[in-house]
Amino acid sequence: MLSLKKKPETAGPVTPYWHTNFRNYEALPDIKVVRTAFFVNGGAIAVAVALLIYFLLGEVQLHSLHNQIDDIKSQIQADKPGSDQAVVKYRKFQEQEAKIVEVDKFVASRPVISELINNLSATLPVNVAIDTFDLREDMITIRGTVRGSPDKASGYASAYVEVLRSAPEFGTLFGEVSLTNLSRVPSTGRVAIEVVIKLSSKEKK
């Protein structure tokens, strides 16, 4: 049995538009669901908002910094009287400290009185007596009396001066020992002596 099939029609030539397309697509309105201008405008607004927030934060921080500076200045002004008083007291303390140090140095430069008298007593000859003892900053003056005839008394006085010069007890203390006076006392018949001792510079430091 022969089936009857419809012979497909042969496609004919494409008929061109019946008129020329004069439409200007750039001038036509944007009919998309989300318009392109929305993204452009939204981006510009976002940038503007971000810049505004940035400048606002900067102004807030600057204002806070000014407030902190004002608070610090106020605190400085409030503490200034107390600070000035503390400076004055500290300067007075420095002056007093300098005086104390000077006194300490002076005391340290002088020999210990008790030790010095004890050594003088230990080295004193039996025929020599000390009448006065004068201790000053850099020298000692001893005035005494020597028993015996004028010739012997003179020898006793010279021997005593040599003892003061060479005794180990005074080695670092005495610098120069001099017999500055040797005279007879008519009322007693004894000989008065005066010995000047210059303290060693090593001892005074």
C-alpha atoms as a PDB file:
ATOM      1  CA  MET A   1       0.000   0.000   0.000  1.00  0.00           C
ATOM      2  CA  LEU A   2       1.397   3.226  -0.985  1.00  0.00           C
ATOM      3  CA  SER A   3       1.424   5.954   1.639  1.00  0.00           C
ATOM      4  CA  LEU A   4       0.723   9.347   0.497  1.00  0.00           C
ATOM      5  CA  LYS A   5       3.165  11.864   1.846  1.00  0.00           C
ATOM      6  CA  LYS A   6       2.906  15.526   1.316  1.00  0.00           C
ATOM      7  CA  LYS A   7       5.880  16.769  -0.482  1.00  0.00           C
ATOM      8  CA  PRO A   8       7.558  19.461   1.586  1.00  0.00           C
ATOM      9  CA  GLU A   9       7.453  22.790   0.134  1.00  0.00           C
ATOM     10  CA  THR A  10      10.719  24.247  -0.891  1.00  0.00           C
ATOM     11  CA  ALA A  11      11.666  27.297   1.211  1.00  0.00           C
ATOM     12  CA  GLY A  12      11.494  30.373  -0.839  1.00  0.00           C
ATOM     13  CA  PRO A  13      13.735  33.390  -0.769  1.00  0.00           C
ATOM     14  CA  VAL A  14      13.746  35.594   2.386  1.00  0.00           C
ATOM     15  CA  THR A  15      11.739  38.630   1.802  1.00  0.00           C
ATOM     16  CA  PRO A  16      13.515  41.743   3.109  1.00  0.00           C
ATOM     17  CA  TYR A  17      11.835  44.203   5.443  1.00  0.00           C
ATOM     18  CA  TRP A  18       9.404  46.253   3.639  1.00  0.00           C
ATOM     19  CA  HIS A  19      10.951  49.498   5.010  1.00  0.00           C
ATOM     20  CA  THR A  20      14.332  50.684   6.415  1.00  0.00           C
ATOM     21  CA  ASN A  21      14.935  50.544  10.264  1.00  0.00           C
ATOM     22  CA  PHE A  22      15.516  54.145  11.281  1.00  0.00           C
ATOM     23  CA  ARG A  23      15.254  53.547  15.081  1.00  0.00           C
ATOM     24  CA  ASN A  24      17.954  55.138  17.338  1.00  0.00           C
ATOM     25  CA  TYR A  25      18.512  52.562  20.067  1.00  0.00           C
ATOM     26  CA  GLU A  26      20.567  54.955  22.238  1.00  0.00           C
ATOM     27  CA  ALA A  27      17.672  57.389  22.401  1.00  0.00           C
ATOM     28  CA  LEU A  28      15.135  54.698  23.267  1.00  0.00           C
ATOM     29  CA  PRO A  29      14.155  54.335  26.955  1.00  0.00           C
ATOM     30  CA  ASP A  30      15.749  51.583  29.068  1.00  0.00           C
ATOM     31  CA  ILE A  31      12.947  49.057  29.521  1.00  0.00           C
ATOM     32  CA  LYS A  32      15.043  46.411  31.418  1.00  0.00           C
ATOM     33  CA  VAL A  33      13.715  45.247  34.801  1.00  0.00           C
ATOM     34  CA  VAL A  34      16.788  46.790  36.592  1.00  0.00           C
ATOM     35  CA  ARG A  35      17.985  49.743  34.700  1.00  0.00           C
ATOM     36  CA  THR A  36      21.702  50.383  34.112  1.00  0.00           C
ATOM     37  CA  ALA A  37      21.367  53.897  35.496  1.00  0.00           C
ATOM     38  CA  PHE A  38      20.357  52.370  38.847  1.00  0.00           C
ATOM     39  CA  PHE A  39      23.765  50.735  39.275  1.00  0.00           C
ATOM     40  CA  VAL A  40      25.601  53.891  38.237  1.00  0.00           C
ATOM     41  CA  ASN A  41      23.614  56.119  40.557  1.00  0.00           C
ATOM     42  CA  GLY A  42      23.774  53.576  43.394  1.00  0.00           C
ATOM     43  CA  GLY A  43      27.566  53.348  43.117  1.00  0.00           C
ATOM     44  CA  ALA A  44      27.935  57.110  43.157  1.00  0.00           C
ATOM     45  CA  ILE A  45      25.661  57.396  46.197  1.00  0.00           C
ATOM     46  CA  ALA A  46      27.599  54.643  48.013  1.00  0.00           C
ATOM     47  CA  VAL A  47      30.891  56.432  47.378  1.00  0.00           C
ATOM     48  CA  ALA A  48      29.406  59.719  48.548  1.00  0.00           C
ATOM     49  CA  VAL A  49      28.009  58.100  51.711  1.00  0.00           C
ATOM     50  CA  ALA A  50      31.364  56.419  52.433  1.00  0.00           C
ATOM     51  CA  LEU A  51      33.219  59.742  52.059  1.00  0.00           C
ATOM     52  CA  LEU A  52      30.663  61.463  54.274  1.00  0.00           C
ATOM     53  CA  ILE A  53      31.040  58.818  56.988  1.00  0.00           C
ATOM     54  CA  TYR A  54      34.837  59.056  56.724  1.00  0.00           C
ATOM     55  CA  PHE A  55      34.827  62.818  57.178  1.00  0.00           C
ATOM     56  CA  LEU A  56      32.276  62.599  59.980  1.00  0.00           C
ATOM     57  CA  LEU A  57      34.433  60.078  61.823  1.00  0.00           C
ATOM     58  CA  GLY A  58      37.455  62.343  61.337  1.00  0.00           C
ATOM     59  CA  GLU A  59      35.558  65.306  62.768  1.00  0.00           C
ATOM     60  CA  VAL A  60      34.416  63.228  65.742  1.00  0.00           C
ATOM     61  CA  GLN A  61      37.958  62.059  66.442  1.00  0.00           C
ATOM     62  CA  LEU A  62      39.285  65.617  66.064  1.00  0.00           C
ATOM     63  CA  HIS A  63      36.643  66.935  68.427  1.00  0.00           C
ATOM     64  CA  SER A  64      37.474  64.205  70.940  1.00  0.00           C
ATOM     65  CA  LEU A  65      41.179  65.036  70.647  1.00  0.00           C
ATOM     66  CA  HIS A  66      40.487  68.724  71.290  1.00  0.00           C
ATOM     67  CA  ASN A  67      38.460  67.780  74.361  1.00  0.00           C
ATOM     68  CA  GLN A  68      41.311  65.610  75.653  1.00  0.00           C
ATOM     69  CA  ILE A  69      43.794  68.449  75.094  1.00  0.00           C
ATOM     70  CA  ASP A  70      41.537  70.853  76.964  1.00  0.00           C
ATOM     71  CA  ASP A  71      41.206  68.392  79.848  1.00  0.00           C
ATOM     72  CA  ILE A  72      44.989  67.940  80.014  1.00  0.00           C
ATOM     73  CA  LYS A  73      45.532  71.711  79.971  1.00  0.00           C
ATOM     74  CA  SER A  74      43.004  72.124  82.758  1.00  0.00           C
ATOM     75  CA  GLN A  75      44.720  69.397  84.783  1.00  0.00           C
ATOM     76  CA  ILE A  76      48.104  71.042  84.219  1.00  0.00           C
ATOM     77  CA  GLN A  77      46.763  74.394  85.399  1.00  0.00           C
ATOM     78  CA  ALA A  78      45.209  72.739  88.447  1.00  0.00           C
ATOM     79  CA  ASP A  79      48.466  70.923  89.314  1.00  0.00           C
ATOM     80  CA  LYS A  80      50.771  73.878  88.583  1.00  0.00           C
ATOM     81  CA  PRO A  81      50.640  75.483  92.063  1.00  0.00           C
ATOM     82  CA  GLY A  82      51.460  72.182  93.742  1.00  0.00           C
ATOM     83  CA  SER A  83      54.197  71.516  91.202  1.00  0.00           C
ATOM     84  CA  ASP A  84      55.738  74.942  91.784  1.00  0.00           C
ATOM     85  CA  GLN A  85      55.722  74.361  95.534  1.00  0.00           C
ATOM     86  CA  ALA A  86      57.345  70.960  95.047  1.00  0.00           C
ATOM     87  CA  VAL A  87      60.078  72.540  92.916  1.00  0.00           C
ATOM     88  CA  VAL A  88      60.745  75.175  95.585  1.00  0.00           C
ATOM     89  CA  LYS A  89      60.910  72.509  98.300  1.00  0.00           C
ATOM     90  CA  TYR A  90      63.211  70.368  96.185  1.00  0.00           C
ATOM     91  CA  ARG A  91      65.579  73.304  95.657  1.00  0.00           C
ATOM     92  CA  LYS A  92      65.622  73.968  99.389  1.00  0.00           C
ATOM     93  CA  PHE A  93      66.293  70.286  99.952  1.00  0.00           C
ATOM     94  CA  GLN A  94      69.221  70.444  97.522  1.00  0.00           C
ATOM     95  CA  GLU A  95      70.634  73.439  99.396  1.00  0.00           C
ATOM     96  CA  GLN A  96      70.306  71.670 102.738  1.00  0.00           C
ATOM     97  CA  GLU A  97      71.779  68.503 101.262  1.00  0.00           C
ATOM     98  CA  ALA A  98      74.784  70.470  99.972  1.00  0.00           C
ATOM     99  CA  LYS A  99      75.332  71.924 103.458  1.00  0.00           C
ATOM    100  CA  ILE A 100      75.091  68.485 105.052  1.00  0.00           C
ATOM    101  CA  VAL A 101      77.550  67.036 102.538  1.00  0.00           C
ATOM    102  CA  GLU A 102      79.934  69.913 103.229  1.00  0.00           C
ATOM    103  CA  VAL A 103      79.689  69.313 106.983  1.00  0.00           C
ATOM    104  CA  ASP A 104      80.223  65.587 106.493  1.00  0.00           C
ATOM    105  CA  LYS A 105      83.327  66.274 104.426  1.00  0.00           C
ATOM    106  CA  PHE A 106      84.621  68.675 107.072  1.00  0.00           C
ATOM    107  CA  VAL A 107      83.987  66.195 109.882  1.00  0.00           C
ATOM    108  CA  ALA A 108      85.574  63.388 107.879  1.00  0.00           C
ATOM    109  CA  SER A 109      88.633  65.543 107.230  1.00  0.00           C
ATOM    110  CA  ARG A 110      89.280  66.001 110.952  1.00  0.00           C
ATOM    111  CA  PRO A 111      90.820  63.305 113.119  1.00  0.00           C
ATOM    112  CA  VAL A 112      88.800  61.553 115.784  1.00  0.00           C
ATOM    113  CA  ILE A 113      89.373  63.640 118.923  1.00  0.00           C
ATOM    114  CA  SER A 114      89.270  60.749 121.367  1.00  0.00           C
ATOM    115  CA  GLU A 115      91.725  58.706 119.349  1.00  0.00           C
ATOM    116  CA  LEU A 116      94.042  61.674 118.840  1.00  0.00           C
ATOM    117  CA  ILE A 117      94.128  62.546 122.560  1.00  0.00           C
ATOM    118  CA  ASN A 118      94.717  58.929 123.466  1.00  0.00           C
ATOM    119  CA  ASN A 119      97.706  58.718 121.060  1.00  0.00           C
ATOM    120  CA  LEU A 120      99.134  62.016 122.343  1.00  0.00           C
ATOM    121  CA  SER A 121      98.887  60.744 125.894  1.00  0.00           C
ATOM    122  CA  ALA A 122     100.568  57.454 124.974  1.00  0.00           C
ATOM    123  CA  THR A 123     103.515  59.203 123.288  1.00  0.00           C
ATOM    124  CA  LEU A 124     103.918  62.038 125.837  1.00  0.00           C
ATOM    125  CA  PRO A 125     107.256  61.937 127.707  1.00  0.00           C
ATOM    126  CA  VAL A 126     107.156  61.949 131.522  1.00  0.00           C
ATOM    127  CA  ASN A 127     108.876  65.335 131.771  1.00  0.00           C
ATOM    128  CA  VAL A 128     106.489  67.093 129.319  1.00  0.00           C
ATOM    129  CA  ALA A 129     102.973  68.236 130.230  1.00  0.00           C
ATOM    130  CA  ILE A 130     100.318  69.510 127.791  1.00  0.00           C
ATOM    131  CA  ASP A 131      98.575  72.677 128.974  1.00  0.00           C
ATOM    132  CA  THR A 132      96.341  73.501 125.970  1.00  0.00           C
ATOM    133  CA  PHE A 133      95.266  71.642 122.857  1.00  0.00           C
ATOM    134  CA  ASP A 134      93.810  73.608 119.907  1.00  0.00           C
ATOM    135  CA  LEU A 135      92.414  71.683 116.946  1.00  0.00           C
ATOM    136  CA  ARG A 136      91.504  73.676 113.848  1.00  0.00           C
ATOM    137  CA  GLU A 137      90.558  72.796 110.268  1.00  0.00           C
ATOM    138  CA  ASP A 138      94.058  72.033 109.019  1.00  0.00           C
ATOM    139  CA  MET A 139      96.336  72.348 112.047  1.00  0.00           C
ATOM    140  CA  ILE A 140      96.824  71.475 115.706  1.00  0.00           C
ATOM    141  CA  THR A 141      98.539  73.723 118.235  1.00  0.00           C
ATOM    142  CA  ILE A 142      99.915  72.155 121.413  1.00  0.00           C
ATOM    143  CA  ARG A 143     101.161  74.317 124.287  1.00  0.00           C
ATOM    144  CA  GLY A 144     102.932  72.657 127.172  1.00  0.00           C
ATOM    145  CA  THR A 145     105.512  72.803 129.937  1.00  0.00           C
ATOM    146  CA  VAL A 146     108.816  70.970 130.151  1.00  0.00           C
ATOM    147  CA  ARG A 147     110.460  70.199 133.516  1.00  0.00           C
ATOM    148  CA  GLY A 148     114.204  70.404 134.014  1.00  0.00           C
ATOM    149  CA  SER A 149     117.018  72.817 133.548  1.00  0.00           C
ATOM    150  CA  PRO A 150     116.905  75.065 130.480  1.00  0.00           C
ATOM    151  CA  ASP A 151     119.488  72.942 128.625  1.00  0.00           C
ATOM    152  CA  LYS A 152     117.783  69.651 129.416  1.00  0.00           C
ATOM    153  CA  ALA A 153     114.314  71.089 128.851  1.00  0.00           C
ATOM    154  CA  SER A 154     115.338  72.222 125.388  1.00  0.00           C
ATOM    155  CA  GLY A 155     116.529  68.703 124.619  1.00  0.00           C
ATOM    156  CA  TYR A 156     113.320  67.211 125.992  1.00  0.00           C
ATOM    157  CA  ALA A 157     111.235  69.544 123.818  1.00  0.00           C
ATOM    158  CA  SER A 158     113.207  68.672 120.655  1.00  0.00           C
ATOM    159  CA  ALA A 159     112.929  64.964 121.453  1.00  0.00           C
ATOM    160  CA  TYR A 160     109.173  65.313 121.881  1.00  0.00           C
ATOM    161  CA  VAL A 161     108.867  67.014 118.486  1.00  0.00           C
ATOM    162  CA  GLU A 162     110.780  64.100 116.924  1.00  0.00           C
ATOM    163  CA  VAL A 163     108.387  61.676 118.607  1.00  0.00           C
ATOM    164  CA  LEU A 164     105.426  63.494 117.067  1.00  0.00           C
ATOM    165  CA  ARG A 165     107.095  63.383 113.643  1.00  0.00           C
ATOM    166  CA  SER A 166     108.042  59.707 113.692  1.00  0.00           C
ATOM    167  CA  ALA A 167     105.399  57.983 115.837  1.00  0.00           C
ATOM    168  CA  PRO A 168     103.434  55.443 113.742  1.00  0.00           C
ATOM    169  CA  GLU A 169     100.213  56.587 115.427  1.00  0.00           C
ATOM    170  CA  PHE A 170     100.521  59.927 113.585  1.00  0.00           C
ATOM    171  CA  GLY A 171     102.064  58.713 110.336  1.00  0.00           C
ATOM    172  CA  THR A 172      99.037  59.434 108.097  1.00  0.00           C
ATOM    173  CA  LEU A 173      97.673  62.259 110.224  1.00  0.00           C
ATOM    174  CA  PHE A 174     100.517  64.734 110.742  1.00  0.00           C
ATOM    175  CA  GLY A 175     102.101  66.481 107.795  1.00  0.00           C
ATOM    176  CA  GLU A 176     104.584  68.918 109.321  1.00  0.00           C
ATOM    177  CA  VAL A 177     105.539  69.281 113.003  1.00  0.00           C
ATOM    178  CA  SER A 178     107.351  72.454 114.130  1.00  0.00           C
ATOM    179  CA  LEU A 179     108.558  73.746 117.489  1.00  0.00           C
ATOM    180  CA  THR A 180     107.475  77.405 117.247  1.00  0.00           C
ATOM    181  CA  ASN A 181     108.185  78.572 120.798  1.00  0.00           C
ATOM    182  CA  LEU A 182     110.631  77.638 123.528  1.00  0.00           C
ATOM    183  CA  SER A 183     110.847  80.041 126.478  1.00  0.00           C
ATOM    184  CA  ARG A 184     111.556  79.889 130.212  1.00  0.00           C
ATOM    185  CA  VAL A 185     108.787  80.819 132.654  1.00  0.00           C
ATOM    186  CA  PRO A 186     110.342  82.864 135.477  1.00  0.00           C
ATOM    187  CA  SER A 187     107.588  82.140 137.977  1.00  0.00           C
ATOM    188  CA  THR A 188     107.989  78.367 137.739  1.00  0.00           C
ATOM    189  CA  GLY A 189     111.473  78.003 136.362  1.00  0.00           C
ATOM    190  CA  ARG A 190     110.169  75.625 133.731  1.00  0.00           C
ATOM    191  CA  VAL A 191     110.249  75.916 129.960  1.00  0.00           C
ATOM    192  CA  ALA A 192     107.099  76.682 127.963  1.00  0.00           C
ATOM    193  CA  ILE A 193     106.832  75.184 124.481  1.00  0.00           C
ATOM    194  CA  GLU A 194     104.489  75.587 121.551  1.00  0.00           C
ATOM    195  CA  VAL A 195     104.238  72.911 118.831  1.00  0.00           C
ATOM    196  CA  VAL A 196     102.327  73.546 115.603  1.00  0.00           C
ATOM    197  CA  ILE A 197     101.237  70.473 113.649  1.00  0.00           C
ATOM    198  CA  LYS A 198      99.877  70.795 110.119  1.00  0.00           C
ATOM    199  CA  LEU A 199      97.470  68.015 109.214  1.00  0.00           C
ATOM    200  CA  SER A 200      98.316  65.852 106.264  1.00  0.00           C
ATOM    201  CA  SER A 201      96.383  66.577 103.044  1.00  0.00           C
ATOM    202  CA  LYS A 202      95.716  62.841 102.703  1.00  0.00           C
ATOM    203  CA  GLU A 203      93.902  62.891 106.022  1.00  0.00           C
ATOM    204  CA  LYS A 204      91.754  65.875 105.060  1.00  0.00           C
ATOM    205  CA  LYS A 205      90.423  64.340 101.824  1.00  0.00           C
END
